[in-house]
């Protein structure tokens, strides 16, 4: 998540020739979109860190579990189709991916493979973190809710 934050901060300050890709949006929309992505990723990194910090145990379970689940869903939605696209590209079934041209330059080909793998790895790691935190926090919640014997 930190790599994602840093890469998008760089994109905001050094956007290149035409970061909007001739789309219907302007530079302001491009910057706002990236600032939203940067914020979500920075918050996500803090939430993941909080799952292993002792001070975060005093937080209600839902305050960490809600963003973990949301982030997991978003990364699965982006990562799984990306790996399907990787498979199609590498096997030659659809060399340009879902929407790309068949005669894709090697640099774009490998960049696409890398980006899709990055999001899939993020999905796997965040889902694992979410499941682990859900189990650990459920166990500690059930231990804390039992009335001690008198």
N, C-alpha and C. Protein backbone atom coordinates (compact mmCIF):
# COMPACT_ATOMS: atom_id res chain seq x y z
N UNK A 1 0.82 -1.19 0.00
CA UNK A 1 0.00 0.00 0.00
C UNK A 1 0.86 1.25 0.00
N UNK A 2 2.00 1.18 0.69
CA UNK A 2 2.89 2.33 0.72
C UNK A 2 3.46 2.60 -0.67
N UNK A 3 3.82 1.56 -1.40
CA UNK A 3 4.30 1.73 -2.78
C UNK A 3 3.24 2.39 -3.64
N UNK A 4 2.00 1.98 -3.47
CA UNK A 4 0.88 2.56 -4.23
C UNK A 4 0.75 4.04 -3.90
N UNK A 5 0.83 4.38 -2.63
CA UNK A 5 0.73 5.79 -2.21
C UNK A 5 1.85 6.60 -2.86
N UNK A 6 3.08 6.13 -2.74
CA UNK A 6 4.22 6.86 -3.28
C UNK A 6 4.11 7.01 -4.80
N UNK A 7 3.73 5.94 -5.49
CA UNK A 7 3.64 6.02 -6.95
C UNK A 7 2.56 7.01 -7.39
N UNK A 8 1.45 7.08 -6.67
CA UNK A 8 0.40 8.02 -7.06
C UNK A 8 0.71 9.45 -6.65
N UNK A 9 1.47 9.64 -5.59
CA UNK A 9 1.94 10.99 -5.25
C UNK A 9 2.85 11.48 -6.37
N UNK A 10 3.72 10.63 -6.84
CA UNK A 10 4.61 11.00 -7.96
C UNK A 10 3.78 11.34 -9.20
N UNK A 11 2.73 10.55 -9.47
CA UNK A 11 1.88 10.82 -10.64
C UNK A 11 1.17 12.17 -10.53
N UNK A 12 0.83 12.58 -9.33
CA UNK A 12 0.16 13.88 -9.16
C UNK A 12 1.14 15.02 -9.46
N UNK A 13 2.37 14.90 -8.97
CA UNK A 13 3.34 15.97 -9.15
C UNK A 13 4.06 15.93 -10.50
N UNK A 14 4.16 14.75 -11.09
CA UNK A 14 4.80 14.58 -12.40
C UNK A 14 3.87 13.77 -13.31
N UNK A 15 2.79 14.38 -13.78
CA UNK A 15 1.75 13.62 -14.50
C UNK A 15 2.12 13.19 -15.91
N UNK A 16 3.16 13.72 -16.51
CA UNK A 16 3.49 13.35 -17.88
C UNK A 16 2.76 14.24 -18.88
N UNK A 17 2.82 13.87 -20.15
CA UNK A 17 2.26 14.70 -21.22
C UNK A 17 0.74 14.83 -21.15
N UNK A 18 0.04 13.71 -21.13
CA UNK A 18 -1.43 13.74 -21.11
C UNK A 18 -1.96 12.67 -20.15
N UNK A 19 -2.00 12.98 -18.87
CA UNK A 19 -2.44 11.98 -17.90
C UNK A 19 -3.93 11.64 -18.02
N UNK A 20 -4.71 12.49 -18.67
CA UNK A 20 -6.15 12.22 -18.78
C UNK A 20 -6.45 11.24 -19.90
N UNK A 21 -5.48 10.92 -20.73
CA UNK A 21 -5.68 9.93 -21.78
C UNK A 21 -6.74 10.32 -22.79
N UNK A 22 -6.85 11.61 -23.09
CA UNK A 22 -7.86 12.12 -24.04
C UNK A 22 -9.28 11.78 -23.60
N UNK A 23 -9.47 11.56 -22.31
CA UNK A 23 -10.81 11.25 -21.79
C UNK A 23 -11.64 12.50 -21.60
N UNK A 24 -12.86 12.34 -21.16
CA UNK A 24 -13.76 13.49 -20.99
C UNK A 24 -13.48 14.30 -19.72
N UNK A 25 -12.51 13.93 -18.95
CA UNK A 25 -12.21 14.60 -17.69
C UNK A 25 -11.02 15.54 -17.89
N UNK A 26 -10.86 16.45 -16.94
CA UNK A 26 -9.76 17.40 -17.02
C UNK A 26 -8.71 17.07 -15.97
N UNK A 27 -7.71 17.92 -15.89
CA UNK A 27 -6.60 17.71 -14.95
C UNK A 27 -7.08 17.72 -13.50
N UNK A 28 -8.07 18.54 -13.18
CA UNK A 28 -8.59 18.61 -11.81
C UNK A 28 -9.18 17.25 -11.40
N UNK A 29 -9.93 16.63 -12.30
CA UNK A 29 -10.51 15.31 -12.00
C UNK A 29 -9.41 14.27 -11.82
N UNK A 30 -8.36 14.37 -12.62
CA UNK A 30 -7.22 13.46 -12.51
C UNK A 30 -6.57 13.58 -11.12
N UNK A 31 -6.36 14.81 -10.68
CA UNK A 31 -5.74 15.04 -9.37
C UNK A 31 -6.66 14.57 -8.25
N UNK A 32 -7.94 14.89 -8.33
CA UNK A 32 -8.90 14.45 -7.30
C UNK A 32 -8.94 12.94 -7.22
N UNK A 33 -9.00 12.27 -8.37
CA UNK A 33 -9.01 10.80 -8.41
C UNK A 33 -7.78 10.24 -7.70
N UNK A 34 -6.61 10.79 -8.00
CA UNK A 34 -5.38 10.30 -7.38
C UNK A 34 -5.32 10.61 -5.89
N UNK A 35 -5.81 11.77 -5.48
CA UNK A 35 -5.83 12.11 -4.05
C UNK A 35 -6.76 11.14 -3.29
N UNK A 36 -7.88 10.77 -3.88
CA UNK A 36 -8.77 9.78 -3.26
C UNK A 36 -8.06 8.44 -3.14
N UNK A 37 -7.38 8.01 -4.20
CA UNK A 37 -6.64 6.75 -4.14
C UNK A 37 -5.53 6.79 -3.10
N UNK A 38 -4.82 7.90 -3.05
CA UNK A 38 -3.74 8.06 -2.06
C UNK A 38 -4.31 7.99 -0.64
N UNK A 39 -5.41 8.67 -0.40
CA UNK A 39 -6.04 8.67 0.93
C UNK A 39 -6.50 7.27 1.32
N UNK A 40 -7.19 6.60 0.40
CA UNK A 40 -7.67 5.24 0.70
C UNK A 40 -6.51 4.31 1.03
N UNK A 41 -5.44 4.39 0.27
CA UNK A 41 -4.30 3.50 0.49
C UNK A 41 -3.56 3.83 1.79
N UNK A 42 -3.41 5.11 2.08
CA UNK A 42 -2.74 5.50 3.33
C UNK A 42 -3.56 5.06 4.53
N UNK A 43 -4.86 5.25 4.48
CA UNK A 43 -5.73 4.78 5.56
C UNK A 43 -5.68 3.26 5.66
N UNK A 44 -5.68 2.60 4.51
CA UNK A 44 -5.57 1.13 4.50
C UNK A 44 -4.30 0.64 5.15
N UNK A 45 -3.19 1.31 4.86
CA UNK A 45 -1.92 0.92 5.47
C UNK A 45 -1.97 1.10 6.98
N UNK A 46 -2.56 2.21 7.43
CA UNK A 46 -2.68 2.45 8.88
C UNK A 46 -3.58 1.41 9.54
N UNK A 47 -4.66 1.04 8.87
CA UNK A 47 -5.59 0.04 9.42
C UNK A 47 -4.89 -1.32 9.52
N UNK A 48 -4.16 -1.70 8.47
CA UNK A 48 -3.45 -2.98 8.51
C UNK A 48 -2.44 -2.99 9.65
N UNK A 49 -1.72 -1.90 9.82
CA UNK A 49 -0.77 -1.80 10.93
C UNK A 49 -1.47 -1.90 12.28
N UNK A 50 -2.65 -1.28 12.36
CA UNK A 50 -3.39 -1.29 13.63
C UNK A 50 -3.83 -2.70 14.04
N UNK A 51 -3.96 -3.61 13.09
CA UNK A 51 -4.40 -4.97 13.43
C UNK A 51 -3.38 -5.71 14.29
N UNK A 52 -2.14 -5.24 14.29
CA UNK A 52 -1.10 -5.92 15.08
C UNK A 52 -0.55 -5.05 16.20
N UNK A 53 -1.13 -3.89 16.40
CA UNK A 53 -0.67 -3.00 17.46
C UNK A 53 -1.49 -3.21 18.73
N UNK A 54 -0.84 -3.33 19.88
CA UNK A 54 -1.56 -3.55 21.13
C UNK A 54 -2.54 -2.43 21.47
N UNK A 55 -2.20 -1.19 21.14
CA UNK A 55 -3.09 -0.07 21.48
C UNK A 55 -4.41 -0.14 20.71
N UNK A 56 -4.42 -0.81 19.58
CA UNK A 56 -5.64 -0.88 18.76
C UNK A 56 -6.65 -1.87 19.35
N UNK A 57 -6.25 -2.65 20.33
CA UNK A 57 -7.18 -3.62 20.95
C UNK A 57 -8.34 -2.93 21.66
N UNK A 58 -8.14 -1.67 22.05
CA UNK A 58 -9.21 -0.95 22.74
C UNK A 58 -10.25 -0.41 21.76
N UNK A 59 -9.94 -0.44 20.47
CA UNK A 59 -10.90 0.04 19.47
C UNK A 59 -12.02 -0.98 19.28
N UNK A 60 -13.23 -0.52 19.00
CA UNK A 60 -14.29 -1.48 18.66
C UNK A 60 -13.87 -2.29 17.42
N UNK A 61 -14.20 -3.53 17.41
CA UNK A 61 -13.81 -4.46 16.35
C UNK A 61 -14.20 -3.95 14.96
N UNK A 62 -15.37 -3.38 14.84
CA UNK A 62 -15.89 -2.96 13.54
C UNK A 62 -15.08 -1.81 12.93
N UNK A 63 -14.39 -1.01 13.77
CA UNK A 63 -13.63 0.14 13.23
C UNK A 63 -12.45 -0.30 12.37
N UNK A 64 -11.93 -1.48 12.63
CA UNK A 64 -10.87 -2.01 11.78
C UNK A 64 -11.42 -3.00 10.75
N UNK A 65 -12.41 -3.76 11.16
CA UNK A 65 -12.93 -4.79 10.27
C UNK A 65 -13.66 -4.20 9.06
N UNK A 66 -14.35 -3.08 9.22
CA UNK A 66 -15.07 -2.47 8.11
C UNK A 66 -14.14 -2.03 6.98
N UNK A 67 -13.09 -1.25 7.25
CA UNK A 67 -12.19 -0.89 6.15
C UNK A 67 -11.41 -2.09 5.60
N UNK A 68 -11.10 -3.07 6.46
CA UNK A 68 -10.42 -4.27 5.96
C UNK A 68 -11.29 -5.02 4.97
N UNK A 69 -12.56 -5.19 5.31
CA UNK A 69 -13.47 -5.88 4.39
C UNK A 69 -13.68 -5.09 3.11
N UNK A 70 -13.85 -3.79 3.23
CA UNK A 70 -14.04 -2.94 2.04
C UNK A 70 -12.83 -3.01 1.12
N UNK A 71 -11.66 -2.87 1.70
CA UNK A 71 -10.44 -2.94 0.90
C UNK A 71 -10.24 -4.31 0.26
N UNK A 72 -10.58 -5.35 1.00
CA UNK A 72 -10.47 -6.71 0.45
C UNK A 72 -11.38 -6.88 -0.75
N UNK A 73 -12.61 -6.43 -0.63
CA UNK A 73 -13.56 -6.54 -1.74
C UNK A 73 -13.04 -5.77 -2.96
N UNK A 74 -12.58 -4.54 -2.75
CA UNK A 74 -12.07 -3.74 -3.87
C UNK A 74 -10.87 -4.40 -4.54
N UNK A 75 -9.95 -4.92 -3.75
CA UNK A 75 -8.78 -5.55 -4.34
C UNK A 75 -9.11 -6.87 -5.03
N UNK A 76 -10.05 -7.62 -4.50
CA UNK A 76 -10.47 -8.86 -5.18
C UNK A 76 -11.13 -8.52 -6.51
N UNK A 77 -11.99 -7.49 -6.50
CA UNK A 77 -12.66 -7.08 -7.73
C UNK A 77 -11.65 -6.62 -8.78
N UNK A 78 -10.56 -6.01 -8.36
CA UNK A 78 -9.52 -5.56 -9.30
C UNK A 78 -8.49 -6.65 -9.58
N UNK A 79 -8.14 -7.43 -8.58
CA UNK A 79 -7.05 -8.39 -8.71
C UNK A 79 -7.37 -9.67 -9.44
N UNK A 80 -8.54 -10.24 -9.19
CA UNK A 80 -8.89 -11.53 -9.81
C UNK A 80 -9.08 -11.38 -11.32
N UNK A 81 -9.86 -10.41 -11.79
CA UNK A 81 -9.94 -10.25 -13.25
C UNK A 81 -8.57 -9.92 -13.87
N UNK A 82 -7.72 -9.23 -13.12
CA UNK A 82 -6.38 -8.93 -13.61
C UNK A 82 -5.57 -10.19 -13.83
N UNK A 83 -5.70 -11.16 -12.95
CA UNK A 83 -4.98 -12.42 -13.15
C UNK A 83 -5.56 -13.22 -14.31
N UNK A 84 -6.87 -13.13 -14.50
CA UNK A 84 -7.48 -13.77 -15.67
C UNK A 84 -6.92 -13.12 -16.94
N UNK A 85 -6.83 -11.79 -16.92
CA UNK A 85 -6.26 -11.07 -18.05
C UNK A 85 -4.82 -11.48 -18.28
N UNK A 86 -4.03 -11.62 -17.20
CA UNK A 86 -2.65 -12.08 -17.33
C UNK A 86 -2.60 -13.43 -18.04
N UNK A 87 -3.46 -14.34 -17.62
CA UNK A 87 -3.50 -15.67 -18.23
C UNK A 87 -3.80 -15.57 -19.72
N UNK A 88 -4.78 -14.75 -20.07
CA UNK A 88 -5.14 -14.58 -21.48
C UNK A 88 -3.99 -13.96 -22.28
N UNK A 89 -3.29 -13.02 -21.67
CA UNK A 89 -2.19 -12.35 -22.36
C UNK A 89 -0.98 -13.28 -22.54
N UNK A 90 -0.62 -13.98 -21.47
CA UNK A 90 0.56 -14.83 -21.53
C UNK A 90 0.35 -16.03 -22.46
N UNK A 91 -0.85 -16.57 -22.47
CA UNK A 91 -1.13 -17.72 -23.34
C UNK A 91 -1.36 -17.31 -24.78
N UNK A 92 -1.51 -16.01 -25.03
CA UNK A 92 -1.73 -15.55 -26.39
C UNK A 92 -3.18 -15.56 -26.83
N UNK A 93 -4.07 -15.96 -25.95
CA UNK A 93 -5.49 -15.97 -26.29
C UNK A 93 -5.97 -14.55 -26.59
N UNK A 94 -5.56 -13.61 -25.77
CA UNK A 94 -5.93 -12.20 -25.96
C UNK A 94 -4.70 -11.38 -25.59
N UNK A 95 -3.78 -11.23 -26.51
CA UNK A 95 -2.47 -10.63 -26.25
C UNK A 95 -2.57 -9.23 -25.62
N UNK A 96 -3.55 -8.43 -25.99
CA UNK A 96 -3.68 -7.08 -25.45
C UNK A 96 -4.56 -6.99 -24.22
N UNK A 97 -4.95 -8.11 -23.65
CA UNK A 97 -5.82 -8.09 -22.49
C UNK A 97 -7.28 -7.92 -22.89
N UNK A 98 -8.10 -7.51 -21.94
CA UNK A 98 -9.54 -7.39 -22.19
C UNK A 98 -9.88 -6.30 -23.19
N UNK A 99 -9.20 -5.16 -23.11
CA UNK A 99 -9.56 -4.04 -23.97
C UNK A 99 -8.41 -3.55 -24.85
N UNK A 100 -7.26 -4.17 -24.75
CA UNK A 100 -6.10 -3.72 -25.51
C UNK A 100 -6.08 -4.25 -26.93
N UNK A 101 -5.18 -3.71 -27.71
CA UNK A 101 -5.01 -4.15 -29.09
C UNK A 101 -4.17 -5.42 -29.12
N UNK A 102 -4.33 -6.20 -30.17
CA UNK A 102 -3.62 -7.47 -30.27
C UNK A 102 -2.12 -7.26 -30.45
N UNK A 103 -1.72 -6.16 -31.08
CA UNK A 103 -0.31 -5.90 -31.35
C UNK A 103 0.24 -4.94 -30.30
N UNK A 104 0.29 -5.40 -29.06
CA UNK A 104 0.74 -4.56 -27.94
C UNK A 104 2.27 -4.59 -27.86
N UNK A 105 2.89 -3.43 -27.65
CA UNK A 105 4.36 -3.41 -27.50
C UNK A 105 4.79 -4.19 -26.26
N UNK A 106 5.99 -4.79 -26.29
CA UNK A 106 6.46 -5.59 -25.14
C UNK A 106 6.47 -4.83 -23.82
N UNK A 107 6.83 -3.55 -23.83
CA UNK A 107 6.85 -2.77 -22.59
C UNK A 107 5.47 -2.67 -21.96
N UNK A 108 4.46 -2.40 -22.76
CA UNK A 108 3.08 -2.32 -22.26
C UNK A 108 2.60 -3.69 -21.81
N UNK A 109 2.99 -4.73 -22.54
CA UNK A 109 2.61 -6.09 -22.19
C UNK A 109 3.08 -6.44 -20.79
N UNK A 110 4.39 -6.22 -20.53
CA UNK A 110 4.95 -6.59 -19.24
C UNK A 110 4.52 -5.65 -18.13
N UNK A 111 4.27 -4.39 -18.47
CA UNK A 111 3.74 -3.46 -17.47
C UNK A 111 2.36 -3.92 -17.02
N UNK A 112 1.52 -4.32 -17.97
CA UNK A 112 0.18 -4.84 -17.64
C UNK A 112 0.25 -6.08 -16.77
N UNK A 113 1.15 -6.98 -17.11
CA UNK A 113 1.34 -8.21 -16.31
C UNK A 113 1.73 -7.84 -14.88
N UNK A 114 2.68 -6.91 -14.76
CA UNK A 114 3.15 -6.50 -13.43
C UNK A 114 2.07 -5.84 -12.60
N UNK A 115 1.32 -4.92 -13.20
CA UNK A 115 0.26 -4.21 -12.47
C UNK A 115 -0.83 -5.18 -12.03
N UNK A 116 -1.24 -6.07 -12.92
CA UNK A 116 -2.27 -7.05 -12.56
C UNK A 116 -1.80 -7.97 -11.44
N UNK A 117 -0.55 -8.40 -11.51
CA UNK A 117 0.00 -9.27 -10.46
C UNK A 117 0.08 -8.52 -9.13
N UNK A 118 0.45 -7.25 -9.18
CA UNK A 118 0.54 -6.40 -7.99
C UNK A 118 -0.81 -6.32 -7.27
N UNK A 119 -1.88 -6.08 -8.03
CA UNK A 119 -3.21 -5.98 -7.42
C UNK A 119 -3.69 -7.34 -6.90
N UNK A 120 -3.37 -8.41 -7.62
CA UNK A 120 -3.78 -9.75 -7.16
C UNK A 120 -3.04 -10.10 -5.86
N UNK A 121 -1.75 -9.82 -5.81
CA UNK A 121 -0.97 -10.07 -4.59
C UNK A 121 -1.53 -9.24 -3.43
N UNK A 122 -1.89 -7.99 -3.70
CA UNK A 122 -2.50 -7.15 -2.68
C UNK A 122 -3.80 -7.73 -2.17
N UNK A 123 -4.60 -8.28 -3.08
CA UNK A 123 -5.87 -8.91 -2.69
C UNK A 123 -5.61 -10.11 -1.79
N UNK A 124 -4.68 -10.96 -2.18
CA UNK A 124 -4.36 -12.15 -1.39
C UNK A 124 -3.89 -11.75 0.01
N UNK A 125 -2.98 -10.78 0.07
CA UNK A 125 -2.44 -10.36 1.37
C UNK A 125 -3.50 -9.68 2.24
N UNK A 126 -4.32 -8.82 1.65
CA UNK A 126 -5.32 -8.12 2.46
C UNK A 126 -6.44 -9.05 2.90
N UNK A 127 -6.85 -9.98 2.06
CA UNK A 127 -7.86 -10.95 2.48
C UNK A 127 -7.30 -11.80 3.62
N UNK A 128 -6.04 -12.22 3.52
CA UNK A 128 -5.41 -12.97 4.60
C UNK A 128 -5.34 -12.18 5.90
N UNK A 129 -5.00 -10.92 5.80
CA UNK A 129 -4.95 -10.04 6.97
C UNK A 129 -6.34 -9.88 7.58
N UNK A 130 -7.33 -9.71 6.73
CA UNK A 130 -8.71 -9.53 7.20
C UNK A 130 -9.21 -10.77 7.93
N UNK A 131 -8.98 -11.93 7.35
CA UNK A 131 -9.42 -13.19 7.98
C UNK A 131 -8.69 -13.38 9.31
N UNK A 132 -7.39 -13.13 9.32
CA UNK A 132 -6.61 -13.28 10.54
C UNK A 132 -7.11 -12.34 11.64
N UNK A 133 -7.33 -11.07 11.28
CA UNK A 133 -7.81 -10.12 12.28
C UNK A 133 -9.22 -10.48 12.76
N UNK A 134 -10.07 -10.90 11.85
CA UNK A 134 -11.44 -11.27 12.23
C UNK A 134 -11.42 -12.41 13.24
N UNK A 135 -10.58 -13.39 13.01
CA UNK A 135 -10.49 -14.54 13.94
C UNK A 135 -9.90 -14.12 15.29
N UNK A 136 -8.79 -13.38 15.24
CA UNK A 136 -8.14 -12.96 16.49
C UNK A 136 -9.03 -12.04 17.31
N UNK A 137 -9.70 -11.10 16.64
CA UNK A 137 -10.54 -10.16 17.39
C UNK A 137 -11.81 -10.83 17.90
N UNK A 138 -12.30 -11.84 17.20
CA UNK A 138 -13.48 -12.56 17.69
C UNK A 138 -13.13 -13.36 18.93
N UNK A 139 -11.94 -13.96 18.93
CA UNK A 139 -11.50 -14.73 20.10
C UNK A 139 -11.31 -13.83 21.31
N UNK A 140 -10.67 -12.69 21.11
CA UNK A 140 -10.43 -11.80 22.25
C UNK A 140 -11.73 -11.16 22.71
N UNK A 141 -12.68 -10.93 21.80
CA UNK A 141 -13.98 -10.36 22.18
C UNK A 141 -14.77 -11.37 23.00
N UNK A 142 -14.70 -12.65 22.62
CA UNK A 142 -15.46 -13.66 23.36
C UNK A 142 -14.83 -13.91 24.74
N UNK A 143 -13.51 -13.78 24.83
CA UNK A 143 -12.85 -13.95 26.12
C UNK A 143 -13.18 -12.79 27.05
N UNK A 144 -13.23 -11.60 26.49
CA UNK A 144 -13.49 -10.41 27.30
C UNK A 144 -14.95 -10.27 27.72
N UNK A 145 -15.86 -10.90 26.98
CA UNK A 145 -17.28 -10.72 27.29
C UNK A 145 -17.79 -11.69 28.34
N UNK A 146 -17.03 -12.73 28.60
CA UNK A 146 -17.48 -13.72 29.59
C UNK A 146 -17.36 -13.12 31.00
N UNK A 147 -18.34 -13.36 31.79
CA UNK A 147 -18.31 -12.87 33.18
C UNK A 147 -17.34 -13.74 33.96
N UNK A 148 -16.43 -13.11 34.70
CA UNK A 148 -15.49 -13.90 35.51
C UNK A 148 -16.22 -14.61 36.64
N UNK A 149 -15.75 -15.79 37.02
CA UNK A 149 -16.39 -16.51 38.12
C UNK A 149 -16.19 -15.76 39.44
N UNK A 150 -17.18 -15.87 40.32
CA UNK A 150 -17.10 -15.18 41.62
C UNK A 150 -16.88 -16.16 42.72
